[in-house]
Amino acid sequence: MKLRNLFWFATGASISYHLVKNRHEMKSDVQETGQLVKGIQENLAKIQHNLDIIQEQKANLNELVNDFQYKAKLFSQQATASLKEIQAIWQTNQND
């Protein structure tokens, strides 16, 4: 029983020694990790904001596309009507 207690004491002492010995490195690692986490959270918030803007602009773009398609259809109809008129005038001038 005493040997087991001695083993655990030695193990605990060794771990404590290594923790104290490397405390500055561990502290800087923890601080660096904290800064990285903060940076990641800020980037995530920026990305989320940009996604919201993109979704909003997507709706605006869809409206513009629908408007453009409607205007293109009207232009095509007007161009066809004008072309028929021109062809009719051309044919009447050719027959005279």
PDB file of N, CA and C in Angstrom:
ATOM      1  N   MET A   1       0.813  -1.191   0.000  1.00  0.00           N
ATOM      2  CA  MET A   1       0.000   0.000   0.000  1.00  0.00           C
ATOM      3  C   MET A   1       0.857   1.255   0.000  1.00  0.00           C
ATOM      4  N   LYS A   2       1.967   1.235   0.745  1.00  0.00           N
ATOM      5  CA  LYS A   2       2.830   2.397   0.796  1.00  0.00           C
ATOM      6  C   LYS A   2       3.516   2.638  -0.536  1.00  0.00           C
ATOM      7  N   LEU A   3       3.835   1.599  -1.262  1.00  0.00           N
ATOM      8  CA  LEU A   3       4.479   1.747  -2.560  1.00  0.00           C
ATOM      9  C   LEU A   3       3.541   2.426  -3.558  1.00  0.00           C
ATOM     10  N   ARG A   4       2.279   2.060  -3.505  1.00  0.00           N
ATOM     11  CA  ARG A   4       1.295   2.676  -4.394  1.00  0.00           C
ATOM     12  C   ARG A   4       1.161   4.172  -4.081  1.00  0.00           C
ATOM     13  N   ASN A   5       1.074   4.509  -2.820  1.00  0.00           N
ATOM     14  CA  ASN A   5       0.976   5.923  -2.432  1.00  0.00           C
ATOM     15  C   ASN A   5       2.219   6.695  -2.869  1.00  0.00           C
ATOM     16  N   LEU A   6       3.380   6.064  -2.714  1.00  0.00           N
ATOM     17  CA  LEU A   6       4.624   6.694  -3.135  1.00  0.00           C
ATOM     18  C   LEU A   6       4.629   6.917  -4.648  1.00  0.00           C
ATOM     19  N   PHE A   7       4.150   5.934  -5.387  1.00  0.00           N
ATOM     20  CA  PHE A   7       4.067   6.061  -6.851  1.00  0.00           C
ATOM     21  C   PHE A   7       3.158   7.223  -7.246  1.00  0.00           C
ATOM     22  N   TRP A   8       1.970   7.329  -6.658  1.00  0.00           N
ATOM     23  CA  TRP A   8       1.042   8.416  -6.991  1.00  0.00           C
ATOM     24  C   TRP A   8       1.605   9.778  -6.578  1.00  0.00           C
ATOM     25  N   PHE A   9       2.289   9.817  -5.448  1.00  0.00           N
ATOM     26  CA  PHE A   9       2.900  11.069  -5.013  1.00  0.00           C
ATOM     27  C   PHE A   9       3.981  11.495  -6.003  1.00  0.00           C
ATOM     28  N   ALA A  10       4.810  10.559  -6.425  1.00  0.00           N
ATOM     29  CA  ALA A  10       5.879  10.866  -7.372  1.00  0.00           C
ATOM     30  C   ALA A  10       5.297  11.307  -8.718  1.00  0.00           C
ATOM     31  N   THR A  11       4.248  10.646  -9.155  1.00  0.00           N
ATOM     32  CA  THR A  11       3.597  11.016 -10.419  1.00  0.00           C
ATOM     33  C   THR A  11       3.010  12.423 -10.315  1.00  0.00           C
ATOM     34  N   GLY A  12       2.318  12.710  -9.221  1.00  0.00           N
ATOM     35  CA  GLY A  12       1.729  14.037  -9.016  1.00  0.00           C
ATOM     36  C   GLY A  12       2.799  15.105  -8.929  1.00  0.00           C
ATOM     37  N   ALA A  13       3.888  14.801  -8.260  1.00  0.00           N
ATOM     38  CA  ALA A  13       4.986  15.765  -8.145  1.00  0.00           C
ATOM     39  C   ALA A  13       5.620  16.027  -9.502  1.00  0.00           C
ATOM     40  N   SER A  14       5.781  14.982 -10.280  1.00  0.00           N
ATOM     41  CA  SER A  14       6.375  15.127 -11.617  1.00  0.00           C
ATOM     42  C   SER A  14       5.481  15.976 -12.519  1.00  0.00           C
ATOM     43  N   ILE A  15       4.199  15.699 -12.483  1.00  0.00           N
ATOM     44  CA  ILE A  15       3.249  16.482 -13.288  1.00  0.00           C
ATOM     45  C   ILE A  15       3.257  17.935 -12.842  1.00  0.00           C
ATOM     46  N   SER A  16       3.248  18.169 -11.543  1.00  0.00           N
ATOM     47  CA  SER A  16       3.272  19.545 -11.022  1.00  0.00           C
ATOM     48  C   SER A  16       4.545  20.260 -11.440  1.00  0.00           C
ATOM     49  N   TYR A  17       5.667  19.559 -11.375  1.00  0.00           N
ATOM     50  CA  TYR A  17       6.937  20.163 -11.775  1.00  0.00           C
ATOM     51  C   TYR A  17       6.902  20.578 -13.244  1.00  0.00           C
ATOM     52  N   HIS A  18       6.423  19.695 -14.101  1.00  0.00           N
ATOM     53  CA  HIS A  18       6.374  20.008 -15.538  1.00  0.00           C
ATOM     54  C   HIS A  18       5.386  21.140 -15.827  1.00  0.00           C
ATOM     55  N   LEU A  19       4.291  21.187 -15.092  1.00  0.00           N
ATOM     56  CA  LEU A  19       3.335  22.284 -15.267  1.00  0.00           C
ATOM     57  C   LEU A  19       3.954  23.616 -14.870  1.00  0.00           C
ATOM     58  N   VAL A  20       4.645  23.630 -13.736  1.00  0.00           N
ATOM     59  CA  VAL A  20       5.282  24.875 -13.289  1.00  0.00           C
ATOM     60  C   VAL A  20       6.418  25.257 -14.226  1.00  0.00           C
ATOM     61  N   LYS A  21       7.182  24.277 -14.673  1.00  0.00           N
ATOM     62  CA  LYS A  21       8.313  24.527 -15.568  1.00  0.00           C
ATOM     63  C   LYS A  21       7.845  25.127 -16.893  1.00  0.00           C
ATOM     64  N   ASN A  22       6.721  24.659 -17.419  1.00  0.00           N
ATOM     65  CA  ASN A  22       6.237  25.107 -18.733  1.00  0.00           C
ATOM     66  C   ASN A  22       5.077  26.094 -18.629  1.00  0.00           C
ATOM     67  N   ARG A  23       4.921  26.734 -17.477  1.00  0.00           N
ATOM     68  CA  ARG A  23       3.748  27.592 -17.265  1.00  0.00           C
ATOM     69  C   ARG A  23       3.719  28.783 -18.218  1.00  0.00           C
ATOM     70  N   HIS A  24       4.869  29.363 -18.552  1.00  0.00           N
ATOM     71  CA  HIS A  24       4.891  30.536 -19.444  1.00  0.00           C
ATOM     72  C   HIS A  24       4.475  30.145 -20.864  1.00  0.00           C
ATOM     73  N   GLU A  25       4.989  29.015 -21.312  1.00  0.00           N
ATOM     74  CA  GLU A  25       4.610  28.532 -22.645  1.00  0.00           C
ATOM     75  C   GLU A  25       3.126  28.185 -22.701  1.00  0.00           C
ATOM     76  N   MET A  26       2.656  27.535 -21.653  1.00  0.00           N
ATOM     77  CA  MET A  26       1.244  27.152 -21.614  1.00  0.00           C
ATOM     78  C   MET A  26       0.354  28.383 -21.534  1.00  0.00           C
ATOM     79  N   LYS A  27       0.787  29.385 -20.765  1.00  0.00           N
ATOM     80  CA  LYS A  27       0.001  30.607 -20.649  1.00  0.00           C
ATOM     81  C   LYS A  27      -0.079  31.323 -21.989  1.00  0.00           C
ATOM     82  N   SER A  28       1.041  31.404 -22.714  1.00  0.00           N
ATOM     83  CA  SER A  28       1.022  32.063 -24.018  1.00  0.00           C
ATOM     84  C   SER A  28       0.179  31.264 -25.016  1.00  0.00           C
ATOM     85  N   ASP A  29       0.218  29.924 -24.919  1.00  0.00           N
ATOM     86  CA  ASP A  29      -0.613  29.097 -25.800  1.00  0.00           C
ATOM     87  C   ASP A  29      -2.097  29.332 -25.542  1.00  0.00           C
ATOM     88  N   VAL A  30      -2.465  29.440 -24.274  1.00  0.00           N
ATOM     89  CA  VAL A  30      -3.867  29.682 -23.925  1.00  0.00           C
ATOM     90  C   VAL A  30      -4.309  31.056 -24.424  1.00  0.00           C
ATOM     91  N   GLN A  31      -3.444  32.061 -24.257  1.00  0.00           N
ATOM     92  CA  GLN A  31      -3.784  33.408 -24.735  1.00  0.00           C
ATOM     93  C   GLN A  31      -3.905  33.435 -26.256  1.00  0.00           C
ATOM     94  N   GLU A  32      -2.976  32.757 -26.939  1.00  0.00           N
ATOM     95  CA  GLU A  32      -3.022  32.706 -28.400  1.00  0.00           C
ATOM     96  C   GLU A  32      -4.290  32.007 -28.882  1.00  0.00           C
ATOM     97  N   THR A  33      -4.645  30.931 -28.212  1.00  0.00           N
ATOM     98  CA  THR A  33      -5.864  30.209 -28.567  1.00  0.00           C
ATOM     99  C   THR A  33      -7.090  31.090 -28.356  1.00  0.00           C
ATOM    100  N   GLY A  34      -7.095  31.843 -27.264  1.00  0.00           N
ATOM    101  CA  GLY A  34      -8.207  32.762 -27.007  1.00  0.00           C
ATOM    102  C   GLY A  34      -8.329  33.821 -28.083  1.00  0.00           C
ATOM    103  N   GLN A  35      -7.189  34.354 -28.526  1.00  0.00           N
ATOM    104  CA  GLN A  35      -7.216  35.352 -29.594  1.00  0.00           C
ATOM    105  C   GLN A  35      -7.704  34.744 -30.901  1.00  0.00           C
ATOM    106  N   LEU A  36      -7.278  33.523 -31.176  1.00  0.00           N
ATOM    107  CA  LEU A  36      -7.738  32.847 -32.398  1.00  0.00           C
ATOM    108  C   LEU A  36      -9.241  32.608 -32.363  1.00  0.00           C
ATOM    109  N   VAL A  37      -9.743  32.196 -31.228  1.00  0.00           N
ATOM    110  CA  VAL A  37     -11.191  31.951 -31.095  1.00  0.00           C
ATOM    111  C   VAL A  37     -11.952  33.258 -31.294  1.00  0.00           C
ATOM    112  N   LYS A  38     -11.449  34.339 -30.697  1.00  0.00           N
ATOM    113  CA  LYS A  38     -12.100  35.644 -30.860  1.00  0.00           C
ATOM    114  C   LYS A  38     -12.091  36.071 -32.324  1.00  0.00           C
ATOM    115  N   GLY A  39     -10.954  35.879 -33.007  1.00  0.00           N
ATOM    116  CA  GLY A  39     -10.864  36.218 -34.429  1.00  0.00           C
ATOM    117  C   GLY A  39     -11.820  35.396 -35.273  1.00  0.00           C
ATOM    118  N   ILE A  40     -11.929  34.118 -34.947  1.00  0.00           N
ATOM    119  CA  ILE A  40     -12.845  33.239 -35.686  1.00  0.00           C
ATOM    120  C   ILE A  40     -14.281  33.686 -35.487  1.00  0.00           C
ATOM    121  N   GLN A  41     -14.640  34.055 -34.268  1.00  0.00           N
ATOM    122  CA  GLN A  41     -16.001  34.520 -33.998  1.00  0.00           C
ATOM    123  C   GLN A  41     -16.301  35.816 -34.752  1.00  0.00           C
ATOM    124  N   GLU A  42     -15.319  36.724 -34.813  1.00  0.00           N
ATOM    125  CA  GLU A  42     -15.516  37.971 -35.557  1.00  0.00           C
ATOM    126  C   GLU A  42     -15.686  37.690 -37.045  1.00  0.00           C
ATOM    127  N   ASN A  43     -14.859  36.792 -37.578  1.00  0.00           N
ATOM    128  CA  ASN A  43     -14.977  36.435 -38.992  1.00  0.00           C
ATOM    129  C   ASN A  43     -16.318  35.772 -39.292  1.00  0.00           C
ATOM    130  N   LEU A  44     -16.782  34.944 -38.385  1.00  0.00           N
ATOM    131  CA  LEU A  44     -18.080  34.294 -38.563  1.00  0.00           C
ATOM    132  C   LEU A  44     -19.200  35.329 -38.596  1.00  0.00           C
ATOM    133  N   ALA A  45     -19.110  36.330 -37.719  1.00  0.00           N
ATOM    134  CA  ALA A  45     -20.127  37.386 -37.708  1.00  0.00           C
ATOM    135  C   ALA A  45     -20.093  38.176 -39.012  1.00  0.00           C
ATOM    136  N   LYS A  46     -18.897  38.454 -39.531  1.00  0.00           N
ATOM    137  CA  LYS A  46     -18.775  39.179 -40.806  1.00  0.00           C
ATOM    138  C   LYS A  46     -19.352  38.352 -41.950  1.00  0.00           C
ATOM    139  N   ILE A  47     -19.044  37.076 -41.952  1.00  0.00           N
ATOM    140  CA  ILE A  47     -19.555  36.194 -43.012  1.00  0.00           C
ATOM    141  C   ILE A  47     -21.076  36.136 -42.955  1.00  0.00           C
ATOM    142  N   GLN A  48     -21.632  36.038 -41.768  1.00  0.00           N
ATOM    143  CA  GLN A  48     -23.085  35.988 -41.615  1.00  0.00           C
ATOM    144  C   GLN A  48     -23.718  37.283 -42.122  1.00  0.00           C
ATOM    145  N   HIS A  49     -23.091  38.411 -41.805  1.00  0.00           N
ATOM    146  CA  HIS A  49     -23.592  39.706 -42.276  1.00  0.00           C
ATOM    147  C   HIS A  49     -23.540  39.778 -43.800  1.00  0.00           C
ATOM    148  N   ASN A  50     -22.432  39.314 -44.382  1.00  0.00           N
ATOM    149  CA  ASN A  50     -22.311  39.320 -45.840  1.00  0.00           C
ATOM    150  C   ASN A  50     -23.327  38.395 -46.499  1.00  0.00           C
ATOM    151  N   LEU A  51     -23.611  37.263 -45.871  1.00  0.00           N
ATOM    152  CA  LEU A  51     -24.638  36.359 -46.406  1.00  0.00           C
ATOM    153  C   LEU A  51     -26.014  37.020 -46.386  1.00  0.00           C
ATOM    154  N   ASP A  52     -26.295  37.770 -45.333  1.00  0.00           N
ATOM    155  CA  ASP A  52     -27.570  38.494 -45.267  1.00  0.00           C
ATOM    156  C   ASP A  52     -27.667  39.509 -46.393  1.00  0.00           C
ATOM    157  N   ILE A  53     -26.578  40.226 -46.653  1.00  0.00           N
ATOM    158  CA  ILE A  53     -26.561  41.213 -47.739  1.00  0.00           C
ATOM    159  C   ILE A  53     -26.764  40.522 -49.080  1.00  0.00           C
ATOM    160  N   ILE A  54     -26.101  39.389 -49.270  1.00  0.00           N
ATOM    161  CA  ILE A  54     -26.231  38.646 -50.528  1.00  0.00           C
ATOM    162  C   ILE A  54     -27.669  38.188 -50.736  1.00  0.00           C
ATOM    163  N   GLN A  55     -28.300  37.683 -49.683  1.00  0.00           N
ATOM    164  CA  GLN A  55     -29.693  37.244 -49.801  1.00  0.00           C
ATOM    165  C   GLN A  55     -30.598  38.414 -50.172  1.00  0.00           C
ATOM    166  N   GLU A  56     -30.348  39.566 -49.557  1.00  0.00           N
ATOM    167  CA  GLU A  56     -31.148  40.756 -49.865  1.00  0.00           C
ATOM    168  C   GLU A  56     -30.943  41.174 -51.316  1.00  0.00           C
ATOM    169  N   GLN A  57     -29.700  41.171 -51.769  1.00  0.00           N
ATOM    170  CA  GLN A  57     -29.410  41.563 -53.143  1.00  0.00           C
ATOM    171  C   GLN A  57     -29.929  40.538 -54.147  1.00  0.00           C
ATOM    172  N   LYS A  58     -29.995  39.286 -53.729  1.00  0.00           N
ATOM    173  CA  LYS A  58     -30.536  38.249 -54.608  1.00  0.00           C
ATOM    174  C   LYS A  58     -31.998  38.538 -54.925  1.00  0.00           C
ATOM    175  N   ALA A  59     -32.747  38.964 -53.920  1.00  0.00           N
ATOM    176  CA  ALA A  59     -34.158  39.310 -54.148  1.00  0.00           C
ATOM    177  C   ALA A  59     -34.260  40.499 -55.106  1.00  0.00           C
ATOM    178  N   ASN A  60     -33.407  41.510 -54.895  1.00  0.00           N
ATOM    179  CA  ASN A  60     -33.408  42.668 -55.796  1.00  0.00           C
ATOM    180  C   ASN A  60     -33.033  42.252 -57.216  1.00  0.00           C
ATOM    181  N   LEU A  61     -32.056  41.380 -57.333  1.00  0.00           N
ATOM    182  CA  LEU A  61     -31.622  40.919 -58.646  1.00  0.00           C
ATOM    183  C   LEU A  61     -32.732  40.148 -59.349  1.00  0.00           C
ATOM    184  N   ASN A  62     -33.469  39.337 -58.617  1.00  0.00           N
ATOM    185  CA  ASN A  62     -34.585  38.596 -59.214  1.00  0.00           C
ATOM    186  C   ASN A  62     -35.651  39.556 -59.749  1.00  0.00           C
ATOM    187  N   GLU A  63     -35.909  40.623 -59.010  1.00  0.00           N
ATOM    188  CA  GLU A  63     -36.863  41.632 -59.488  1.00  0.00           C
ATOM    189  C   GLU A  63     -36.366  42.284 -60.773  1.00  0.00           C
ATOM    190  N   LEU A  64     -35.077  42.615 -60.807  1.00  0.00           N
ATOM    191  CA  LEU A  64     -34.515  43.233 -62.009  1.00  0.00           C
ATOM    192  C   LEU A  64     -34.558  42.283 -63.202  1.00  0.00           C
ATOM    193  N   VAL A  65     -34.292  41.013 -62.972  1.00  0.00           N
ATOM    194  CA  VAL A  65     -34.337  40.026 -64.055  1.00  0.00           C
ATOM    195  C   VAL A  65     -35.751  39.913 -64.603  1.00  0.00           C
ATOM    196  N   ASN A  66     -36.733  39.856 -63.712  1.00  0.00           N
ATOM    197  CA  ASN A  66     -38.126  39.777 -64.168  1.00  0.00           C
ATOM    198  C   ASN A  66     -38.515  41.017 -64.958  1.00  0.00           C
ATOM    199  N   ASP A  67     -38.088  42.182 -64.491  1.00  0.00           N
ATOM    200  CA  ASP A  67     -38.378  43.433 -65.189  1.00  0.00           C
ATOM    201  C   ASP A  67     -37.702  43.445 -66.560  1.00  0.00           C
ATOM    202  N   PHE A  68     -36.464  43.009 -66.617  1.00  0.00           N
ATOM    203  CA  PHE A  68     -35.744  42.967 -67.884  1.00  0.00           C
ATOM    204  C   PHE A  68     -36.405  42.003 -68.862  1.00  0.00           C
ATOM    205  N   GLN A  69     -36.831  40.840 -68.375  1.00  0.00           N
ATOM    206  CA  GLN A  69     -37.497  39.876 -69.255  1.00  0.00           C
ATOM    207  C   GLN A  69     -38.799  40.457 -69.813  1.00  0.00           C
ATOM    208  N   TYR A  70     -39.543  41.162 -68.968  1.00  0.00           N
ATOM    209  CA  TYR A  70     -40.787  41.786 -69.412  1.00  0.00           C
ATOM    210  C   TYR A  70     -40.502  42.842 -70.473  1.00  0.00           C
ATOM    211  N   LYS A  71     -39.501  43.693 -70.222  1.00  0.00           N
ATOM    212  CA  LYS A  71     -39.165  44.751 -71.187  1.00  0.00           C
ATOM    213  C   LYS A  71     -38.621  44.166 -72.485  1.00  0.00           C
ATOM    214  N   ALA A  72     -37.847  43.088 -72.397  1.00  0.00           N
ATOM    215  CA  ALA A  72     -37.335  42.443 -73.603  1.00  0.00           C
ATOM    216  C   ALA A  72     -38.478  41.860 -74.420  1.00  0.00           C
ATOM    217  N   LYS A  73     -39.469  41.289 -73.741  1.00  0.00           N
ATOM    218  CA  LYS A  73     -40.635  40.737 -74.438  1.00  0.00           C
ATOM    219  C   LYS A  73     -41.406  41.848 -75.145  1.00  0.00           C
ATOM    220  N   LEU A  74     -41.600  42.986 -74.431  1.00  0.00           N
ATOM    221  CA  LEU A  74     -42.289  44.123 -75.055  1.00  0.00           C
ATOM    222  C   LEU A  74     -41.514  44.649 -76.252  1.00  0.00           C
ATOM    223  N   PHE A  75     -40.203  44.774 -76.105  1.00  0.00           N
ATOM    224  CA  PHE A  75     -39.376  45.264 -77.200  1.00  0.00           C
ATOM    225  C   PHE A  75     -39.466  44.339 -78.399  1.00  0.00           C
ATOM    226  N   SER A  76     -39.447  43.043 -78.134  1.00  0.00           N
ATOM    227  CA  SER A  76     -39.541  42.071 -79.224  1.00  0.00           C
ATOM    228  C   SER A  76     -40.880  42.197 -79.949  1.00  0.00           C
ATOM    229  N   GLN A  77     -41.953  42.366 -79.191  1.00  0.00           N
ATOM    230  CA  GLN A  77     -43.270  42.531 -79.816  1.00  0.00           C
ATOM    231  C   GLN A  77     -43.330  43.818 -80.640  1.00  0.00           C
ATOM    232  N   GLN A  78     -42.800  44.905 -80.091  1.00  0.00           N
ATOM    233  CA  GLN A  78     -42.812  46.174 -80.819  1.00  0.00           C
ATOM    234  C   GLN A  78     -41.921  46.099 -82.057  1.00  0.00           C
ATOM    235  N   ALA A  79     -40.771  45.427 -81.939  1.00  0.00           N
ATOM    236  CA  ALA A  79     -39.870  45.291 -83.082  1.00  0.00           C
ATOM    237  C   ALA A  79     -40.536  44.466 -84.180  1.00  0.00           C
ATOM    238  N   THR A  80     -41.241  43.419 -83.787  1.00  0.00           N
ATOM    239  CA  THR A  80     -41.929  42.582 -84.777  1.00  0.00           C
ATOM    240  C   THR A  80     -43.013  43.384 -85.486  1.00  0.00           C
ATOM    241  N   ALA A  81     -43.767  44.171 -84.717  1.00  0.00           N
ATOM    242  CA  ALA A  81     -44.820  44.991 -85.327  1.00  0.00           C
ATOM    243  C   ALA A  81     -44.217  46.035 -86.263  1.00  0.00           C
ATOM    244  N   SER A  82     -43.147  46.676 -85.840  1.00  0.00           N
ATOM    245  CA  SER A  82     -42.499  47.687 -86.684  1.00  0.00           C
ATOM    246  C   SER A  82     -41.922  47.051 -87.940  1.00  0.00           C
ATOM    247  N   LEU A  83     -41.348  45.881 -87.823  1.00  0.00           N
ATOM    248  CA  LEU A  83     -40.784  45.186 -88.968  1.00  0.00           C
ATOM    249  C   LEU A  83     -41.886  44.823 -89.965  1.00  0.00           C
ATOM    250  N   LYS A  84     -43.044  44.404 -89.474  1.00  0.00           N
ATOM    251  CA  LYS A  84     -44.157  44.095 -90.376  1.00  0.00           C
ATOM    252  C   LYS A  84     -44.617  45.343 -91.112  1.00  0.00           C
ATOM    253  N   GLU A  85     -44.667  46.469 -90.395  1.00  0.00           N
ATOM    254  CA  GLU A  85     -45.056  47.726 -91.043  1.00  0.00           C
ATOM    255  C   GLU A  85     -44.049  48.115 -92.118  1.00  0.00           C
ATOM    256  N   ILE A  86     -42.781  47.981 -91.795  1.00  0.00           N
ATOM    257  CA  ILE A  86     -41.732  48.328 -92.765  1.00  0.00           C
ATOM    258  C   ILE A  86     -41.830  47.419 -93.981  1.00  0.00           C
ATOM    259  N   GLN A  87     -42.052  46.140 -93.752  1.00  0.00           N
ATOM    260  CA  GLN A  87     -42.165  45.202 -94.870  1.00  0.00           C
ATOM    261  C   GLN A  87     -43.392  45.528 -95.726  1.00  0.00           C
ATOM    262  N   ALA A  88     -44.485  45.917 -95.079  1.00  0.00           N
ATOM    263  CA  ALA A  88     -45.691  46.270 -95.842  1.00  0.00           C
ATOM    264  C   ALA A  88     -45.432  47.515 -96.673  1.00  0.00           C
ATOM    265  N   ILE A  89     -44.785  48.505 -96.097  1.00  0.00           N
ATOM    266  CA  ILE A  89     -44.467  49.734 -96.842  1.00  0.00           C
ATOM    267  C   ILE A  89     -43.498  49.406 -97.972  1.00  0.00           C
ATOM    268  N   TRP A  90     -42.529  48.593 -97.715  1.00  0.00           N
ATOM    269  CA  TRP A  90     -41.532  48.222 -98.719  1.00  0.00           C
ATOM    270  C   TRP A  90     -42.199  47.505 -99.888  1.00  0.00           C
ATOM    271  N   GLN A  91     -43.140  46.608 -99.555  1.00  0.00           N
ATOM    272  CA  GLN A  91     -43.815  45.878-100.621  1.00  0.00           C
ATOM    273  C   GLN A  91     -44.719  46.797-101.438  1.00  0.00           C
ATOM    274  N   THR A  92     -45.373  47.748-100.802  1.00  0.00           N
ATOM    275  CA  THR A  92     -46.216  48.665-101.555  1.00  0.00           C
ATOM    276  C   THR A  92     -45.359  49.562-102.443  1.00  0.00           C
ATOM    277  N   ASN A  93     -44.187  49.949-101.982  1.00  0.00           N
ATOM    278  CA  ASN A  93     -43.279  50.765-102.794  1.00  0.00           C
ATOM    279  C   ASN A  93     -42.695  49.943-103.927  1.00  0.00           C
ATOM    280  N   GLN A  94     -42.490  48.684-103.717  1.00  0.00           N
ATOM    281  CA  GLN A  94     -41.937  47.810-104.758  1.00  0.00           C
ATOM    282  C   GLN A  94     -42.968  47.563-105.851  1.00  0.00           C
ATOM    283  N   ASN A  95     -44.240  47.486-105.466  1.00  0.00           N
ATOM    284  CA  ASN A  95     -45.312  47.232-106.418  1.00  0.00           C
ATOM    285  C   ASN A  95     -45.631  48.471-107.247  1.00  0.00           C
ATOM    286  N   ASP A  96     -45.320  49.631-106.757  1.00  0.00           N
ATOM    287  CA  ASP A  96     -45.647  50.866-107.501  1.00  0.00           C
ATOM    288  C   ASP A  96     -44.677  51.146-108.561  1.00  0.00           C
TER     289      ASP A  96
END
